[in-house]
Amino acid sequence: MAAEATTTTKFQNPADFRPIPQPPDFHPEITVAASQHDGLHFWQFMIAGSIAGSVEHMAMFPVDTIKTHMQAIGSCPIKTVGVRQALKSILKSEGPSGLYRGIGAMGLGAGPAHAVYFSVYEFAKKFFSGGNLNSSAAHAVSGVFATVASDAVFTPMDMVKQRLQLGNNSTYKGVWDCMKRVLSEEGFGAFYASYRTTVLMNAPFTAVHFSTYEATKKGLIEISPESASDDRLIVHATAGAAAGASAAVITTPLDVVKTQLQCQGVCGCDRFKSSNIGDVIQTIVKKDGYRGLMRGWSPRMLFHAPAAAICWSVYEAGKTFFHELNGSNDGSTTT
């Protein structure tokens, strides 16, 4: 009986069978931060991306106008390659408002395009990473998927934007006038004449951009992990600037080709018999030498470095906002 009592008492303690749910050094907040890109709804990625893209392009629009003028070859007002000369020429011919011609088209295109851009990127990154959030290959491939989708949305408005940037008030009266005239005079295909070139340009651009951004961000956080959360804005801005600048310089030749195709026939610029990239490159090289393929590289880099810093900072801030919103909603639901 004594043995039986001892045995019963020994196994009646439920703690003997219950594993400890969490080790002493378990920190839930670290786990949440590590997977911060997860847990958002599709529409939340879209809103964060839309706001980020709109802020980025609106803030940097004058620089984009200078780049477009520098890349256009022909009898357009800008014939020099220097940024200073290009700026002076625009201000002399049209005044400060000339730097913002076409901003309406940018406003219509940037928001929806970036909504698609970032939402596709996030879900593709989750799919291709296989749980390894530091995979550069997954970041690059996801960026390519994102640009193919977003360029289908943005290319028509980008074409309208660039034509308005080059033309004066007598060429097109505005966004809708440009769209109607292009549709009636050149057909619907004109809106997508540069789509293939744009994708071929943006595919390596985004592959370099996203992989550089993720790698730089990871490196900065590893260098100073104790201040990573406090300096999160600086981390995103620095990583974004490095990614934007490096990707911009590498893809400048294809950007020149894209501008040529989108602005053909406007303000004396060349018209091309086809949208074949090789034919456009031959025309540029014949007319302006190989240096013509690098027209506008400096304002392009000056555009994309701060633009990417702005875009990623705003986007990550938007994601953080939605994470906190979702957390507060979950908390209010459970209480």
C-alpha atoms as a PDB file:
ATOM      1  CA  MET A   1       0.000   0.000   0.000  1.00  0.00           C
ATOM      2  CA  ALA A   2       2.834   2.349   0.823  1.00  0.00           C
ATOM      3  CA  ALA A   3       4.431   1.619  -2.506  1.00  0.00           C
ATOM      4  CA  GLU A   4       1.176   2.247  -4.304  1.00  0.00           C
ATOM      5  CA  ALA A   5       0.674   5.562  -2.507  1.00  0.00           C
ATOM      6  CA  THR A   6       4.172   6.660  -3.361  1.00  0.00           C
ATOM      7  CA  THR A   7       3.666   5.782  -6.997  1.00  0.00           C
ATOM      8  CA  THR A   8       0.332   7.567  -7.197  1.00  0.00           C
ATOM      9  CA  THR A   9       1.716  10.695  -5.603  1.00  0.00           C
ATOM     10  CA  LYS A  10       4.708  10.690  -7.925  1.00  0.00           C
ATOM     11  CA  PHE A  11       2.658  10.674 -11.129  1.00  0.00           C
ATOM     12  CA  GLN A  12      -0.116  12.962 -10.015  1.00  0.00           C
ATOM     13  CA  ASN A  13       2.039  16.038 -10.604  1.00  0.00           C
ATOM     14  CA  PRO A  14       1.027  17.264 -14.100  1.00  0.00           C
ATOM     15  CA  ALA A  15       4.263  19.259 -14.463  1.00  0.00           C
ATOM     16  CA  ASP A  16       6.074  15.948 -14.944  1.00  0.00           C
ATOM     17  CA  PHE A  17       4.319  15.506 -18.286  1.00  0.00           C
ATOM     18  CA  ARG A  18       3.985  19.128 -19.437  1.00  0.00           C
ATOM     19  CA  PRO A  19       6.850  20.569 -21.549  1.00  0.00           C
ATOM     20  CA  ILE A  20       7.956  24.103 -20.850  1.00  0.00           C
ATOM     21  CA  PRO A  21       6.241  26.183 -23.594  1.00  0.00           C
ATOM     22  CA  GLN A  22       8.977  28.811 -23.925  1.00  0.00           C
ATOM     23  CA  PRO A  23      12.673  28.782 -22.978  1.00  0.00           C
ATOM     24  CA  PRO A  24      13.781  31.498 -20.544  1.00  0.00           C
ATOM     25  CA  ASP A  25      15.481  33.553 -23.286  1.00  0.00           C
ATOM     26  CA  PHE A  26      12.482  33.532 -25.626  1.00  0.00           C
ATOM     27  CA  HIS A  27      11.718  37.052 -26.942  1.00  0.00           C
ATOM     28  CA  PRO A  28       8.449  37.284 -28.935  1.00  0.00           C
ATOM     29  CA  GLU A  29       9.196  40.796 -30.195  1.00  0.00           C
ATOM     30  CA  ILE A  30      12.354  39.596 -31.986  1.00  0.00           C
ATOM     31  CA  THR A  31      10.404  36.856 -33.790  1.00  0.00           C
ATOM     32  CA  VAL A  32       7.786  39.362 -34.953  1.00  0.00           C
ATOM     33  CA  ALA A  33      10.431  41.788 -36.232  1.00  0.00           C
ATOM     34  CA  ALA A  34      12.227  39.042 -38.155  1.00  0.00           C
ATOM     35  CA  SER A  35       9.117  38.198 -40.155  1.00  0.00           C
ATOM     36  CA  GLN A  36       7.796  41.717 -40.438  1.00  0.00           C
ATOM     37  CA  HIS A  37       7.163  41.467 -44.179  1.00  0.00           C
ATOM     38  CA  ASP A  38       4.526  38.787 -43.498  1.00  0.00           C
ATOM     39  CA  GLY A  39       1.167  39.258 -41.894  1.00  0.00           C
ATOM     40  CA  LEU A  40      -0.178  42.080 -44.074  1.00  0.00           C
ATOM     41  CA  HIS A  41      -3.187  41.885 -46.313  1.00  0.00           C
ATOM     42  CA  PHE A  42      -2.790  42.238 -50.068  1.00  0.00           C
ATOM     43  CA  TRP A  43      -4.514  45.639 -50.055  1.00  0.00           C
ATOM     44  CA  GLN A  44      -2.158  46.902 -47.337  1.00  0.00           C
ATOM     45  CA  PHE A  45       0.902  46.166 -49.469  1.00  0.00           C
ATOM     46  CA  MET A  46      -0.826  47.964 -52.332  1.00  0.00           C
ATOM     47  CA  ILE A  47      -1.640  51.088 -50.321  1.00  0.00           C
ATOM     48  CA  ALA A  48       1.859  51.317 -48.829  1.00  0.00           C
ATOM     49  CA  GLY A  49       3.422  50.866 -52.278  1.00  0.00           C
ATOM     50  CA  SER A  50       1.063  53.330 -53.938  1.00  0.00           C
ATOM     51  CA  ILE A  51       1.833  56.084 -51.441  1.00  0.00           C
ATOM     52  CA  ALA A  52       5.574  55.392 -51.616  1.00  0.00           C
ATOM     53  CA  GLY A  53       5.657  55.496 -55.429  1.00  0.00           C
ATOM     54  CA  SER A  54       3.597  58.670 -55.649  1.00  0.00           C
ATOM     55  CA  VAL A  55       5.722  60.522 -53.080  1.00  0.00           C
ATOM     56  CA  GLU A  56       8.933  59.346 -54.757  1.00  0.00           C
ATOM     57  CA  HIS A  57       8.046  60.426 -58.285  1.00  0.00           C
ATOM     58  CA  MET A  58       6.377  63.698 -57.358  1.00  0.00           C
ATOM     59  CA  ALA A  59       9.348  64.760 -55.234  1.00  0.00           C
ATOM     60  CA  MET A  60      11.903  63.927 -57.954  1.00  0.00           C
ATOM     61  CA  PHE A  61       9.886  64.976 -61.013  1.00  0.00           C
ATOM     62  CA  PRO A  62      12.038  68.015 -62.025  1.00  0.00           C
ATOM     63  CA  VAL A  63      15.138  65.795 -62.163  1.00  0.00           C
ATOM     64  CA  ASP A  64      13.235  63.297 -64.304  1.00  0.00           C
ATOM     65  CA  THR A  65      12.275  66.114 -66.702  1.00  0.00           C
ATOM     66  CA  ILE A  66      15.921  67.108 -67.129  1.00  0.00           C
ATOM     67  CA  LYS A  67      16.888  63.479 -67.791  1.00  0.00           C
ATOM     68  CA  THR A  68      14.150  63.080 -70.417  1.00  0.00           C
ATOM     69  CA  HIS A  69      15.307  66.201 -72.282  1.00  0.00           C
ATOM     70  CA  MET A  70      18.924  65.079 -72.220  1.00  0.00           C
ATOM     71  CA  GLN A  71      18.099  61.649 -73.639  1.00  0.00           C
ATOM     72  CA  ALA A  72      15.941  62.921 -76.514  1.00  0.00           C
ATOM     73  CA  ILE A  73      17.907  63.388 -79.750  1.00  0.00           C
ATOM     74  CA  GLY A  74      16.778  65.719 -82.523  1.00  0.00           C
ATOM     75  CA  SER A  75      15.721  69.336 -82.696  1.00  0.00           C
ATOM     76  CA  CYS A  76      14.328  69.426 -79.168  1.00  0.00           C
ATOM     77  CA  PRO A  77      15.261  72.422 -77.025  1.00  0.00           C
ATOM     78  CA  ILE A  78      17.857  70.425 -75.092  1.00  0.00           C
ATOM     79  CA  LYS A  79      20.861  69.537 -77.240  1.00  0.00           C
ATOM     80  CA  THR A  80      23.591  69.526 -74.620  1.00  0.00           C
ATOM     81  CA  VAL A  81      24.459  66.694 -72.280  1.00  0.00           C
ATOM     82  CA  GLY A  82      25.306  68.717 -69.188  1.00  0.00           C
ATOM     83  CA  VAL A  83      22.753  68.879 -66.389  1.00  0.00           C
ATOM     84  CA  ARG A  84      23.346  72.600 -65.829  1.00  0.00           C
ATOM     85  CA  GLN A  85      22.870  73.480 -69.499  1.00  0.00           C
ATOM     86  CA  ALA A  86      19.754  71.333 -69.703  1.00  0.00           C
ATOM     87  CA  LEU A  87      18.241  73.032 -66.673  1.00  0.00           C
ATOM     88  CA  LYS A  88      19.060  76.511 -67.974  1.00  0.00           C
ATOM     89  CA  SER A  89      17.541  75.723 -71.354  1.00  0.00           C
ATOM     90  CA  ILE A  90      14.276  74.463 -69.833  1.00  0.00           C
ATOM     91  CA  LEU A  91      13.990  77.483 -67.551  1.00  0.00           C
ATOM     92  CA  LYS A  92      14.740  79.861 -70.434  1.00  0.00           C
ATOM     93  CA  SER A  93      12.217  78.326 -72.859  1.00  0.00           C
ATOM     94  CA  GLU A  94       9.358  77.520 -70.473  1.00  0.00           C
ATOM     95  CA  GLY A  95      10.185  78.853 -67.038  1.00  0.00           C
ATOM     96  CA  PRO A  96      10.001  76.876 -63.773  1.00  0.00           C
ATOM     97  CA  SER A  97       6.658  75.359 -64.802  1.00  0.00           C
ATOM     98  CA  GLY A  98       8.492  73.516 -67.603  1.00  0.00           C
ATOM     99  CA  LEU A  99      10.097  71.278 -64.983  1.00  0.00           C
ATOM    100  CA  TYR A 100       6.653  70.011 -64.008  1.00  0.00           C
ATOM    101  CA  ARG A 101       5.068  69.439 -67.400  1.00  0.00           C
ATOM    102  CA  GLY A 102       3.522  65.969 -67.413  1.00  0.00           C
ATOM    103  CA  ILE A 103       3.293  65.625 -63.637  1.00  0.00           C
ATOM    104  CA  GLY A 104      -0.431  64.913 -63.984  1.00  0.00           C
ATOM    105  CA  ALA A 105       0.315  61.796 -66.050  1.00  0.00           C
ATOM    106  CA  MET A 106       2.852  60.750 -63.452  1.00  0.00           C
ATOM    107  CA  GLY A 107       0.253  61.167 -60.731  1.00  0.00           C
ATOM    108  CA  LEU A 108      -2.201  58.952 -62.601  1.00  0.00           C
ATOM    109  CA  GLY A 109       0.352  56.235 -63.317  1.00  0.00           C
ATOM    110  CA  ALA A 110       2.735  56.096 -60.355  1.00  0.00           C
ATOM    111  CA  GLY A 111       0.223  55.182 -57.654  1.00  0.00           C
ATOM    112  CA  PRO A 112      -1.438  52.172 -59.339  1.00  0.00           C
ATOM    113  CA  ALA A 113       1.856  50.955 -60.826  1.00  0.00           C
ATOM    114  CA  HIS A 114       3.658  50.964 -57.483  1.00  0.00           C
ATOM    115  CA  ALA A 115       0.704  49.342 -55.777  1.00  0.00           C
ATOM    116  CA  VAL A 116       1.151  46.430 -58.186  1.00  0.00           C
ATOM    117  CA  TYR A 117       4.949  46.655 -57.963  1.00  0.00           C
ATOM    118  CA  PHE A 118       5.345  46.208 -54.214  1.00  0.00           C
ATOM    119  CA  SER A 119       2.459  43.812 -53.646  1.00  0.00           C
ATOM    120  CA  VAL A 120       3.729  41.444 -56.359  1.00  0.00           C
ATOM    121  CA  TYR A 121       7.271  41.753 -54.987  1.00  0.00           C
ATOM    122  CA  GLU A 122       6.252  40.897 -51.426  1.00  0.00           C
ATOM    123  CA  PHE A 123       4.223  37.849 -52.379  1.00  0.00           C
ATOM    124  CA  ALA A 124       6.809  36.641 -54.906  1.00  0.00           C
ATOM    125  CA  LYS A 125       9.552  37.053 -52.294  1.00  0.00           C
ATOM    126  CA  LYS A 126       7.560  34.968 -49.838  1.00  0.00           C
ATOM    127  CA  PHE A 127       6.980  32.294 -52.500  1.00  0.00           C
ATOM    128  CA  PHE A 128      10.541  32.083 -53.894  1.00  0.00           C
ATOM    129  CA  SER A 129      12.475  32.519 -50.640  1.00  0.00           C
ATOM    130  CA  GLY A 130      11.356  29.169 -49.244  1.00  0.00           C
ATOM    131  CA  GLY A 131      11.722  30.524 -45.733  1.00  0.00           C
ATOM    132  CA  ASN A 132      15.192  31.996 -46.385  1.00  0.00           C
ATOM    133  CA  LEU A 133      14.504  35.735 -46.162  1.00  0.00           C
ATOM    134  CA  ASN A 134      18.138  36.573 -47.007  1.00  0.00           C
ATOM    135  CA  SER A 135      18.152  34.878 -50.426  1.00  0.00           C
ATOM    136  CA  SER A 136      19.508  37.368 -52.985  1.00  0.00           C
ATOM    137  CA  ALA A 137      18.304  35.148 -55.834  1.00  0.00           C
ATOM    138  CA  ALA A 138      14.749  35.233 -54.469  1.00  0.00           C
ATOM    139  CA  HIS A 139      14.909  39.022 -54.150  1.00  0.00           C
ATOM    140  CA  ALA A 140      16.169  39.396 -57.729  1.00  0.00           C
ATOM    141  CA  VAL A 141      13.590  37.037 -59.260  1.00  0.00           C
ATOM    142  CA  SER A 142      10.788  38.651 -57.260  1.00  0.00           C
ATOM    143  CA  GLY A 143      11.875  42.054 -58.524  1.00  0.00           C
ATOM    144  CA  VAL A 144      11.646  40.851 -62.131  1.00  0.00           C
ATOM    145  CA  PHE A 145       8.110  39.558 -61.579  1.00  0.00           C
ATOM    146  CA  ALA A 146       7.174  42.862 -59.949  1.00  0.00           C
ATOM    147  CA  THR A 147       8.462  45.003 -62.816  1.00  0.00           C
ATOM    148  CA  VAL A 148       6.794  42.924 -65.548  1.00  0.00           C
ATOM    149  CA  ALA A 149       3.443  43.429 -63.822  1.00  0.00           C
ATOM    150  CA  SER A 150       3.874  47.086 -62.870  1.00  0.00           C
ATOM    151  CA  ASP A 151       5.287  48.164 -66.249  1.00  0.00           C
ATOM    152  CA  ALA A 152       2.110  46.898 -67.919  1.00  0.00           C
ATOM    153  CA  VAL A 153       0.242  49.454 -65.794  1.00  0.00           C
ATOM    154  CA  PHE A 154       2.753  52.314 -65.923  1.00  0.00           C
ATOM    155  CA  THR A 155       4.078  52.310 -69.523  1.00  0.00           C
ATOM    156  CA  PRO A 156       1.120  54.141 -71.155  1.00  0.00           C
ATOM    157  CA  MET A 157       1.220  56.976 -68.611  1.00  0.00           C
ATOM    158  CA  ASP A 158       5.011  57.092 -68.768  1.00  0.00           C
ATOM    159  CA  MET A 159       4.787  57.625 -72.521  1.00  0.00           C
ATOM    160  CA  VAL A 160       2.282  60.461 -72.043  1.00  0.00           C
ATOM    161  CA  LYS A 161       4.436  61.952 -69.294  1.00  0.00           C
ATOM    162  CA  GLN A 162       7.582  62.014 -71.423  1.00  0.00           C
ATOM    163  CA  ARG A 163       5.820  63.548 -74.418  1.00  0.00           C
ATOM    164  CA  LEU A 164       4.453  66.296 -72.223  1.00  0.00           C
ATOM    165  CA  GLN A 165       7.897  66.836 -70.731  1.00  0.00           C
ATOM    166  CA  LEU A 166       9.377  67.446 -74.178  1.00  0.00           C
ATOM    167  CA  GLY A 167       6.578  69.354 -75.863  1.00  0.00           C
ATOM    168  CA  ASN A 168       5.590  72.938 -75.223  1.00  0.00           C
ATOM    169  CA  ASN A 169       2.025  74.149 -74.722  1.00  0.00           C
ATOM    170  CA  SER A 170       1.355  74.138 -78.472  1.00  0.00           C
ATOM    171  CA  THR A 171       2.186  70.414 -78.807  1.00  0.00           C
ATOM    172  CA  TYR A 172      -0.266  68.954 -76.304  1.00  0.00           C
ATOM    173  CA  LYS A 173      -2.763  70.798 -74.129  1.00  0.00           C
ATOM    174  CA  GLY A 174      -2.577  68.247 -71.335  1.00  0.00           C
ATOM    175  CA  VAL A 175      -2.791  64.596 -70.347  1.00  0.00           C
ATOM    176  CA  TRP A 176      -6.172  63.837 -71.915  1.00  0.00           C
ATOM    177  CA  ASP A 177      -5.385  65.758 -75.101  1.00  0.00           C
ATOM    178  CA  CYS A 178      -2.134  63.823 -75.494  1.00  0.00           C
ATOM    179  CA  MET A 179      -3.883  60.492 -74.934  1.00  0.00           C
ATOM    180  CA  LYS A 180      -6.648  61.265 -77.436  1.00  0.00           C
ATOM    181  CA  ARG A 181      -4.254  62.483 -80.123  1.00  0.00           C
ATOM    182  CA  VAL A 182      -1.874  59.552 -79.742  1.00  0.00           C
ATOM    183  CA  LEU A 183      -4.794  57.126 -79.885  1.00  0.00           C
ATOM    184  CA  SER A 184      -6.296  58.718 -83.014  1.00  0.00           C
ATOM    185  CA  GLU A 185      -3.027  59.444 -84.859  1.00  0.00           C
ATOM    186  CA  GLU A 186      -0.831  56.490 -83.891  1.00  0.00           C
ATOM    187  CA  GLY A 187      -3.169  53.843 -82.509  1.00  0.00           C
ATOM    188  CA  PHE A 188      -3.282  51.991 -79.209  1.00  0.00           C
ATOM    189  CA  GLY A 189       0.045  50.276 -79.891  1.00  0.00           C
ATOM    190  CA  ALA A 190       1.864  53.593 -79.447  1.00  0.00           C
ATOM    191  CA  PHE A 191       1.153  53.456 -75.724  1.00  0.00           C
ATOM    192  CA  TYR A 192       3.114  50.195 -75.498  1.00  0.00           C
ATOM    193  CA  ALA A 193       5.787  50.837 -78.149  1.00  0.00           C
ATOM    194  CA  SER A 194       8.466  50.861 -75.450  1.00  0.00           C
ATOM    195  CA  TYR A 195       7.021  48.126 -73.223  1.00  0.00           C
ATOM    196  CA  ARG A 196       9.450  45.430 -74.343  1.00  0.00           C
ATOM    197  CA  THR A 197      12.397  47.792 -73.915  1.00  0.00           C
ATOM    198  CA  THR A 198      11.051  48.975 -70.566  1.00  0.00           C
ATOM    199  CA  VAL A 199      10.792  45.407 -69.266  1.00  0.00           C
ATOM    200  CA  LEU A 200      14.244  44.532 -70.611  1.00  0.00           C
ATOM    201  CA  MET A 201      15.590  47.617 -68.852  1.00  0.00           C
ATOM    202  CA  ASN A 202      13.667  47.266 -65.611  1.00  0.00           C
ATOM    203  CA  ALA A 203      14.211  43.517 -65.246  1.00  0.00           C
ATOM    204  CA  PRO A 204      17.962  43.895 -64.571  1.00  0.00           C
ATOM    205  CA  PHE A 205      17.277  47.220 -62.840  1.00  0.00           C
ATOM    206  CA  THR A 206      14.937  45.683 -60.295  1.00  0.00           C
ATOM    207  CA  ALA A 207      17.062  42.547 -59.959  1.00  0.00           C
ATOM    208  CA  VAL A 208      20.064  44.717 -59.008  1.00  0.00           C
ATOM    209  CA  HIS A 209      17.893  47.156 -57.057  1.00  0.00           C
ATOM    210  CA  PHE A 210      16.077  44.707 -54.796  1.00  0.00           C
ATOM    211  CA  SER A 211      19.025  42.406 -54.177  1.00  0.00           C
ATOM    212  CA  THR A 212      21.281  45.412 -53.399  1.00  0.00           C
ATOM    213  CA  TYR A 213      18.653  46.947 -51.133  1.00  0.00           C
ATOM    214  CA  GLU A 214      18.035  43.770 -49.141  1.00  0.00           C
ATOM    215  CA  ALA A 215      21.763  42.978 -48.858  1.00  0.00           C
ATOM    216  CA  THR A 216      22.691  46.545 -47.847  1.00  0.00           C
ATOM    217  CA  LYS A 217      19.861  46.693 -45.307  1.00  0.00           C
ATOM    218  CA  LYS A 218      20.957  43.357 -43.795  1.00  0.00           C
ATOM    219  CA  GLY A 219      24.573  44.528 -43.669  1.00  0.00           C
ATOM    220  CA  LEU A 220      23.705  47.808 -41.971  1.00  0.00           C
ATOM    221  CA  ILE A 221      21.584  46.050 -39.361  1.00  0.00           C
ATOM    222  CA  GLU A 222      24.364  43.533 -38.664  1.00  0.00           C
ATOM    223  CA  ILE A 223      26.920  46.329 -38.254  1.00  0.00           C
ATOM    224  CA  SER A 224      24.846  48.043 -35.580  1.00  0.00           C
ATOM    225  CA  PRO A 225      22.128  45.648 -34.363  1.00  0.00           C
ATOM    226  CA  GLU A 226      21.564  47.525 -31.097  1.00  0.00           C
ATOM    227  CA  SER A 227      20.515  50.691 -32.946  1.00  0.00           C
ATOM    228  CA  ALA A 228      18.830  49.037 -35.932  1.00  0.00           C
ATOM    229  CA  SER A 229      15.334  49.584 -34.576  1.00  0.00           C
ATOM    230  CA  ASP A 230      16.061  53.176 -33.546  1.00  0.00           C
ATOM    231  CA  ASP A 231      17.715  54.088 -36.842  1.00  0.00           C
ATOM    232  CA  ARG A 232      15.343  52.084 -39.040  1.00  0.00           C
ATOM    233  CA  LEU A 233      14.591  55.119 -41.252  1.00  0.00           C
ATOM    234  CA  ILE A 234      18.301  55.729 -41.822  1.00  0.00           C
ATOM    235  CA  VAL A 235      18.833  52.063 -42.663  1.00  0.00           C
ATOM    236  CA  HIS A 236      16.051  52.016 -45.265  1.00  0.00           C
ATOM    237  CA  ALA A 237      17.086  55.360 -46.779  1.00  0.00           C
ATOM    238  CA  THR A 238      20.765  54.401 -47.050  1.00  0.00           C
ATOM    239  CA  ALA A 239      20.054  50.968 -48.492  1.00  0.00           C
ATOM    240  CA  GLY A 240      17.538  52.448 -50.934  1.00  0.00           C
ATOM    241  CA  ALA A 241      19.945  55.139 -52.131  1.00  0.00           C
ATOM    242  CA  ALA A 242      22.720  52.600 -52.751  1.00  0.00           C
ATOM    243  CA  ALA A 243      20.339  50.299 -54.611  1.00  0.00           C
ATOM    244  CA  GLY A 244      18.832  53.074 -56.743  1.00  0.00           C
ATOM    245  CA  ALA A 245      22.153  54.609 -57.765  1.00  0.00           C
ATOM    246  CA  SER A 246      23.844  51.337 -58.749  1.00  0.00           C
ATOM    247  CA  ALA A 247      20.857  50.041 -60.705  1.00  0.00           C
ATOM    248  CA  ALA A 248      20.350  53.383 -62.488  1.00  0.00           C
ATOM    249  CA  VAL A 249      23.872  53.606 -63.910  1.00  0.00           C
ATOM    250  CA  ILE A 250      23.894  50.001 -65.127  1.00  0.00           C
ATOM    251  CA  THR A 251      20.638  50.328 -67.074  1.00  0.00           C
ATOM    252  CA  THR A 252      21.066  53.837 -68.567  1.00  0.00           C
ATOM    253  CA  PRO A 253      21.586  52.652 -72.211  1.00  0.00           C
ATOM    254  CA  LEU A 254      18.242  50.852 -72.238  1.00  0.00           C
ATOM    255  CA  ASP A 255      16.598  53.868 -70.624  1.00  0.00           C
ATOM    256  CA  VAL A 256      17.862  56.016 -73.514  1.00  0.00           C
ATOM    257  CA  VAL A 257      16.327  53.555 -75.980  1.00  0.00           C
ATOM    258  CA  LYS A 258      13.039  53.626 -74.055  1.00  0.00           C
ATOM    259  CA  THR A 259      12.940  57.441 -74.142  1.00  0.00           C
ATOM    260  CA  GLN A 260      13.641  57.452 -77.875  1.00  0.00           C
ATOM    261  CA  LEU A 261      10.766  55.064 -78.558  1.00  0.00           C
ATOM    262  CA  GLN A 262       8.316  56.928 -76.345  1.00  0.00           C
ATOM    263  CA  CYS A 263       9.176  60.382 -77.706  1.00  0.00           C
ATOM    264  CA  GLN A 264       9.555  59.555 -81.406  1.00  0.00           C
ATOM    265  CA  GLY A 265       8.087  62.238 -83.620  1.00  0.00           C
ATOM    266  CA  VAL A 266       7.724  64.717 -80.758  1.00  0.00           C
ATOM    267  CA  CYS A 267       9.595  68.009 -80.993  1.00  0.00           C
ATOM    268  CA  GLY A 268      11.631  66.824 -83.998  1.00  0.00           C
ATOM    269  CA  CYS A 269      12.827  63.573 -82.443  1.00  0.00           C
ATOM    270  CA  ASP A 270      13.479  60.638 -84.770  1.00  0.00           C
ATOM    271  CA  ARG A 271      10.734  58.229 -85.820  1.00  0.00           C
ATOM    272  CA  PHE A 272      11.565  54.543 -86.056  1.00  0.00           C
ATOM    273  CA  LYS A 273      10.148  52.027 -88.502  1.00  0.00           C
ATOM    274  CA  SER A 274       9.894  49.439 -85.745  1.00  0.00           C
ATOM    275  CA  SER A 275      10.395  49.170 -82.002  1.00  0.00           C
ATOM    276  CA  ASN A 276      13.387  46.863 -82.512  1.00  0.00           C
ATOM    277  CA  ILE A 277      15.941  47.679 -79.831  1.00  0.00           C
ATOM    278  CA  GLY A 278      18.893  46.979 -82.111  1.00  0.00           C
ATOM    279  CA  ASP A 279      17.672  49.456 -84.742  1.00  0.00           C
ATOM    280  CA  VAL A 280      17.232  52.188 -82.149  1.00  0.00           C
ATOM    281  CA  ILE A 281      20.702  51.564 -80.706  1.00  0.00           C
ATOM    282  CA  GLN A 282      22.230  51.742 -84.205  1.00  0.00           C
ATOM    283  CA  THR A 283      20.499  55.064 -84.840  1.00  0.00           C
ATOM    284  CA  ILE A 284      21.728  56.489 -81.553  1.00  0.00           C
ATOM    285  CA  VAL A 285      25.310  55.314 -82.080  1.00  0.00           C
ATOM    286  CA  LYS A 286      25.366  56.576 -85.678  1.00  0.00           C
ATOM    287  CA  LYS A 287      24.080  59.989 -84.683  1.00  0.00           C
ATOM    288  CA  ASP A 288      25.750  60.532 -81.318  1.00  0.00           C
ATOM    289  CA  GLY A 289      28.381  57.837 -80.888  1.00  0.00           C
ATOM    290  CA  TYR A 290      28.487  55.322 -78.066  1.00  0.00           C
ATOM    291  CA  ARG A 291      28.389  58.143 -75.551  1.00  0.00           C
ATOM    292  CA  GLY A 292      24.824  58.757 -76.742  1.00  0.00           C
ATOM    293  CA  LEU A 293      23.808  55.547 -74.978  1.00  0.00           C
ATOM    294  CA  MET A 294      24.860  57.097 -71.674  1.00  0.00           C
ATOM    295  CA  ARG A 295      22.976  60.355 -72.141  1.00  0.00           C
ATOM    296  CA  GLY A 296      21.340  61.420 -68.929  1.00  0.00           C
ATOM    297  CA  TRP A 297      23.197  58.965 -66.689  1.00  0.00           C
ATOM    298  CA  SER A 298      24.028  61.649 -64.117  1.00  0.00           C
ATOM    299  CA  PRO A 299      20.488  63.003 -63.617  1.00  0.00           C
ATOM    300  CA  ARG A 300      19.230  59.421 -63.783  1.00  0.00           C
ATOM    301  CA  MET A 301      21.522  58.512 -60.889  1.00  0.00           C
ATOM    302  CA  LEU A 302      20.654  61.769 -59.118  1.00  0.00           C
ATOM    303  CA  PHE A 303      17.000  60.821 -59.558  1.00  0.00           C
ATOM    304  CA  HIS A 304      17.079  57.187 -58.514  1.00  0.00           C
ATOM    305  CA  ALA A 305      19.374  57.467 -55.475  1.00  0.00           C
ATOM    306  CA  PRO A 306      17.202  59.899 -53.470  1.00  0.00           C
ATOM    307  CA  ALA A 307      14.019  58.577 -55.095  1.00  0.00           C
ATOM    308  CA  ALA A 308      14.741  55.044 -53.904  1.00  0.00           C
ATOM    309  CA  ALA A 309      15.669  56.362 -50.458  1.00  0.00           C
ATOM    310  CA  ILE A 310      12.332  58.216 -50.270  1.00  0.00           C
ATOM    311  CA  CYS A 311      10.355  55.326 -51.727  1.00  0.00           C
ATOM    312  CA  TRP A 312      11.733  52.602 -49.449  1.00  0.00           C
ATOM    313  CA  SER A 313      11.496  54.801 -46.344  1.00  0.00           C
ATOM    314  CA  VAL A 314       7.859  55.664 -47.032  1.00  0.00           C
ATOM    315  CA  TYR A 315       7.033  52.072 -47.992  1.00  0.00           C
ATOM    316  CA  GLU A 316       8.593  50.542 -44.893  1.00  0.00           C
ATOM    317  CA  ALA A 317       6.910  53.196 -42.741  1.00  0.00           C
ATOM    318  CA  GLY A 318       3.595  52.243 -44.339  1.00  0.00           C
ATOM    319  CA  LYS A 319       4.210  48.554 -43.616  1.00  0.00           C
ATOM    320  CA  THR A 320       5.076  49.352 -39.999  1.00  0.00           C
ATOM    321  CA  PHE A 321       1.874  51.360 -39.666  1.00  0.00           C
ATOM    322  CA  PHE A 322      -0.228  48.475 -40.962  1.00  0.00           C
ATOM    323  CA  HIS A 323       1.571  45.975 -38.718  1.00  0.00           C
ATOM    324  CA  GLU A 324       0.775  48.113 -35.694  1.00  0.00           C
ATOM    325  CA  LEU A 325      -2.791  48.573 -36.914  1.00  0.00           C
ATOM    326  CA  ASN A 326      -3.236  44.839 -37.382  1.00  0.00           C
ATOM    327  CA  GLY A 327      -1.721  44.199 -33.957  1.00  0.00           C
ATOM    328  CA  SER A 328      -4.049  46.649 -32.252  1.00  0.00           C
ATOM    329  CA  ASN A 329      -7.032  45.182 -34.087  1.00  0.00           C
ATOM    330  CA  ASP A 330      -6.048  41.659 -33.046  1.00  0.00           C
ATOM    331  CA  GLY A 331      -5.654  42.844 -29.463  1.00  0.00           C
ATOM    332  CA  SER A 332      -9.039  44.529 -29.403  1.00  0.00           C
ATOM    333  CA  THR A 333     -10.644  41.408 -30.898  1.00  0.00           C
ATOM    334  CA  THR A 334      -9.245  39.045 -28.290  1.00  0.00           C
ATOM    335  CA  THR A 335     -10.077  41.202 -25.265  1.00  0.00           C
END
